[in-house]
Every structure is written in C-alpha cells, then in structure tokens.
Amino acid sequence: MKEKSLCIFVENDGCAIGGRDVSQLDRGTQTMTAAATRKLITRYYDAFNKQDTATMLDCLGAGFVHDVSQGERRRGKKKFAEFLDHMHRCYHEQLSDVVVMTSTDGARAAAEFNLKGKYLATDEGLPPAKGQTYKLRVGAFFEVADGKITRVSTHYSLPEWTRQVVGK
C-alpha cells in the first residue's frame, strides 16, 4: 500500500490540516526544500521593491503563469515583463512585512504583505491618476518547480484601492 502525504502550509515545521496528495507529484520535477522556496520568493519580492525586472524574471520558470484576482491571466515571461513595464509606468509600489509560508516539499507557497503605493499615471479603465497614495494588504500563492516560480496568483481588493484613490 502506497503511503500518502498531505500538506498545505508549514506551521512550526508540521503540516496544517487539509491538502494535496504529494505522493502523486511528478518525480521528474525537482522539488526544493521549504527553506529554498522561501529564499526564492524573498528574492522575487526584494527585486519587486527595487523595480528590478531582470531579477524578477530570473526567478521565473518555463511555462510561467501569472494570475491576478482583478485581471487577466498572463502566460510566459514576455507577457509578465510587459505587465511589469506597464506597472512601473502607472504605479510606484513597495512591499513590507512580507511573510512567506511553504509546503514541506517546497512546491507550493503563500505570501502575505503590506503594499504601499503611489498612482503615477492613469491606468485604462481606472480613475484618473493624480499622484494618490494607497495602502493594501495583499496575498499571493505560488507554485515552484526546478528552483523557479512557475505560477503566482496575486489577490487584493480593487474596491478598497479605488476607495483610497477616489477619496471616498
């Protein structure tokens, strides 16, 4: 009988309730340790704070997918680089209090952080930019394979961002 391992997030080096059957992972894909995954995601967010697109892209693996709760799915590094260029034109954002949680095998992770930003140029379909500032709590989920991020899914409140930018 094959033994199954279930885990969602690591808490004090143990598994939380729930999960995914990690015994069914494709063993052709090299997984990372939880510590290595935390280091990778920390590097990714350090690069974000420096607006260092090259380093962010270096953290991404083949077949990378970017999902945003308030937008369209982007596939590939090229589309993600275009997205980052657009974001740098319209916004200046900094992250703080980043907390990274990982699965025991390092294949999945989550992060929560504070985002402080300034709205620099009007983004299509959004209110006019006038240099407004905003603060949001953001969550992100990651898949990692072969030492690289293969998916990031970012979640934030667009209504809260709009409230802060419009001033109501």
Foldseek 3Di string as FASTA:
>chain_A
DDDWDAADWADPNDGDPDGDGPVPDDPVWQFDAQVLLVVLVVQLQVCLLVLNLVSNLVQADAQAWEAEPPDDIDTDSVRVSVVSVVCVQFKNKHWPPWDKIAIRRSQKIKIKTKMKMWGHADDPPADGHDRFIDIWIKMWMFGDTPRHTRYIYIYTDPVRVNCRRVVD
